[in-house]
Amino acid sequence: MINDMKPEDIIGDYKEVMLDLYGGIKRLCLYSEVETPYPDGKLIVSTTDTNGIITHVNQSFVEMSGYTEAELINAPHSILRHPDMPAAAFKDLWDTVLRGEKWQGFVKNLRKDGGYYWVKATVIPNIRKGQIVGYTSVRRKPSRSKVEECIKLYPTLM
């Protein structure tokens, strides 16, 4: 289940937009211009089922997202979808992992408080007996130069 964001959870001034997420889900998204820097030496790890529903998160995921573990487990991974992310990036991700291949890219993630953080993401299909049974995503700190490239590129892909 994914809920609309609530104004009382947001830090600072914010904008709002209705997002169309994977699977036909719509969500009211409240977002600010507050960036949380990705900490050195941390990896954010999560697993999902084949529909992108979160089944496991590590403590770094909880800390960076601002959500509790209970709020994340059984939620669509798109709970982190920032409105600045072009749909083309997620289409490419899904097209790649559904072929059983590894996907890598730079993602601007939305925090529960409306802020954001950038990651270098790697998504790997979990294959058992020849079938995809879910996905593991590992995120690490991106270089600032790659983030700056994405800030310029992504608006052209919307």
Protein backbone atom coordinates (compact mmCIF):
# COMPACT_ATOMS: atom_id res chain seq x y z
CA MET A 1 0.00 0.00 0.00
CA ILE A 2 1.23 3.48 -0.80
CA ASN A 3 -0.31 6.52 0.83
CA ASP A 4 -0.37 10.13 -0.25
CA MET A 5 2.26 12.25 1.48
CA LYS A 6 1.11 14.42 4.37
CA PRO A 7 1.98 18.13 4.81
CA GLU A 8 2.80 17.57 8.49
CA ASP A 9 5.65 15.21 7.49
CA ILE A 10 7.30 17.73 5.15
CA ILE A 11 10.20 19.93 6.21
CA GLY A 12 10.18 23.43 4.74
CA ASP A 13 8.38 24.85 1.73
CA TYR A 14 7.16 22.28 -0.75
CA LYS A 15 5.49 21.74 -4.09
CA GLU A 16 2.87 19.13 -4.82
CA VAL A 17 2.14 16.94 -7.82
CA MET A 18 0.07 13.83 -8.54
CA LEU A 19 2.41 11.07 -9.73
CA ASP A 20 1.44 8.14 -11.92
CA LEU A 21 3.47 5.22 -10.58
CA TYR A 22 4.16 1.73 -11.88
CA GLY A 23 1.16 -0.57 -11.74
CA GLY A 24 -1.43 2.17 -12.26
CA ILE A 25 -0.92 3.65 -8.79
CA LYS A 26 -1.47 7.39 -8.30
CA ARG A 27 0.10 9.26 -5.39
CA LEU A 28 0.03 12.84 -4.16
CA CYS A 29 3.69 13.74 -3.85
CA LEU A 30 4.92 16.64 -1.70
CA TYR A 31 8.53 17.58 -2.31
CA SER A 32 11.03 20.25 -1.31
CA GLU A 33 14.45 21.40 -2.45
CA VAL A 34 16.18 19.98 0.66
CA GLU A 35 18.95 17.53 -0.24
CA THR A 36 20.24 14.96 2.24
CA PRO A 37 23.84 14.17 1.33
CA TYR A 38 24.59 10.48 0.84
CA PRO A 39 26.94 9.41 3.65
CA ASP A 40 30.37 8.04 2.81
CA GLY A 41 30.87 4.30 3.21
CA LYS A 42 27.19 3.29 3.37
CA LEU A 43 25.27 0.92 1.14
CA ILE A 44 21.49 1.04 0.88
CA VAL A 45 20.11 -2.45 0.25
CA SER A 46 16.58 -3.65 -0.39
CA THR A 47 14.82 -6.61 -1.94
CA THR A 48 11.46 -6.69 -3.66
CA ASP A 49 9.14 -9.28 -5.09
CA THR A 50 8.54 -9.42 -8.85
CA ASN A 51 6.00 -6.58 -8.61
CA GLY A 52 8.43 -4.18 -6.92
CA ILE A 53 6.91 -4.61 -3.45
CA ILE A 54 9.58 -4.21 -0.76
CA THR A 55 10.31 -7.39 1.21
CA HIS A 56 13.55 -6.37 2.98
CA VAL A 57 15.45 -3.17 3.81
CA ASN A 58 18.68 -2.52 5.65
CA GLN A 59 19.21 0.16 8.30
CA SER A 60 20.86 2.54 5.80
CA PHE A 61 17.69 2.43 3.68
CA VAL A 62 15.57 3.31 6.71
CA GLU A 63 17.87 6.18 7.70
CA MET A 64 18.17 7.73 4.23
CA SER A 65 14.49 7.38 3.27
CA GLY A 66 13.12 8.74 6.55
CA TYR A 67 10.53 5.96 6.65
CA THR A 68 10.35 3.29 9.32
CA GLU A 69 11.01 -0.31 8.38
CA ALA A 70 7.33 -1.06 9.00
CA GLU A 71 6.31 1.69 6.54
CA LEU A 72 8.66 0.31 3.88
CA ILE A 73 7.98 -3.42 4.09
CA ASN A 74 5.09 -4.37 1.76
CA ALA A 75 5.12 -0.90 0.14
CA PRO A 76 5.88 -0.45 -3.56
CA HIS A 77 9.50 0.60 -4.13
CA SER A 78 8.01 3.55 -6.01
CA ILE A 79 7.32 5.10 -2.58
CA LEU A 80 10.72 6.72 -3.26
CA ARG A 81 9.82 8.05 -6.72
CA HIS A 82 10.82 11.69 -6.99
CA PRO A 83 8.85 13.76 -9.54
CA ASP A 84 12.12 14.93 -11.15
CA MET A 85 12.87 11.37 -12.27
CA PRO A 86 11.92 10.77 -15.90
CA ALA A 87 9.57 7.87 -16.58
CA ALA A 88 12.05 6.70 -19.25
CA ALA A 89 14.56 5.78 -16.53
CA PHE A 90 12.10 3.42 -14.85
CA LYS A 91 10.94 1.98 -18.16
CA ASP A 92 14.57 1.16 -18.92
CA LEU A 93 15.02 -0.35 -15.46
CA TRP A 94 11.97 -2.61 -15.81
CA ASP A 95 12.75 -3.57 -19.42
CA THR A 96 16.28 -4.57 -18.35
CA VAL A 97 15.48 -6.56 -15.21
CA LEU A 98 12.54 -8.35 -16.83
CA ARG A 99 15.09 -9.73 -19.33
CA GLY A 100 17.01 -11.09 -16.33
CA GLU A 101 19.79 -8.53 -16.71
CA LYS A 102 21.45 -6.19 -14.21
CA TRP A 103 20.49 -2.49 -14.41
CA GLN A 104 22.56 0.48 -13.23
CA GLY A 105 21.68 4.14 -13.11
CA PHE A 106 21.57 7.34 -11.12
CA VAL A 107 18.36 8.01 -9.22
CA LYS A 108 17.00 10.98 -7.30
CA ASN A 109 15.00 9.43 -4.45
CA LEU A 110 12.22 11.11 -2.47
CA ARG A 111 12.36 11.07 1.34
CA LYS A 112 9.34 10.88 3.62
CA ASP A 113 10.05 14.48 4.73
CA GLY A 114 9.81 15.72 1.12
CA GLY A 115 13.55 16.08 0.67
CA TYR A 116 15.67 13.99 -1.64
CA TYR A 117 18.95 12.14 -2.01
CA TRP A 118 20.89 10.89 -5.04
CA VAL A 119 22.12 7.31 -5.44
CA LYS A 120 24.02 5.19 -7.90
CA ALA A 121 21.69 2.19 -8.09
CA THR A 122 22.31 -1.37 -9.20
CA VAL A 123 19.28 -3.65 -9.52
CA ILE A 124 19.86 -7.39 -9.91
CA PRO A 125 17.16 -9.96 -10.69
CA ASN A 126 17.04 -12.82 -8.17
CA ILE A 127 16.74 -15.96 -10.28
CA ARG A 128 15.80 -19.36 -8.83
CA LYS A 129 15.42 -22.45 -11.04
CA GLY A 130 15.43 -20.24 -14.12
CA GLN A 131 12.65 -17.93 -12.88
CA ILE A 132 12.88 -14.35 -11.63
CA VAL A 133 11.56 -14.40 -8.04
CA GLY A 134 12.39 -10.82 -7.08
CA TYR A 135 15.04 -8.14 -7.22
CA THR A 136 17.89 -6.88 -5.05
CA SER A 137 18.84 -3.23 -5.22
CA VAL A 138 22.12 -1.89 -3.90
CA ARG A 139 22.67 1.84 -3.81
CA ARG A 140 25.92 3.67 -3.18
CA LYS A 141 27.12 7.23 -3.11
CA PRO A 142 27.24 8.74 -6.62
CA SER A 143 29.98 11.08 -7.76
CA ARG A 144 28.88 14.70 -7.68
CA SER A 145 29.88 15.13 -11.32
CA LYS A 146 27.45 12.33 -12.35
CA VAL A 147 24.69 13.91 -10.26
CA GLU A 148 25.29 17.26 -12.00
CA GLU A 149 25.07 15.51 -15.40
CA CYS A 150 21.74 13.94 -14.39
CA ILE A 151 20.38 17.27 -13.12
CA LYS A 152 20.92 18.66 -16.64
CA LEU A 153 19.85 15.54 -18.57
CA TYR A 154 16.72 14.33 -16.75
CA PRO A 155 14.48 17.34 -17.51
CA THR A 156 15.09 16.71 -21.23
CA LEU A 157 13.75 13.13 -20.87
CA MET A 158 10.44 13.97 -19.19
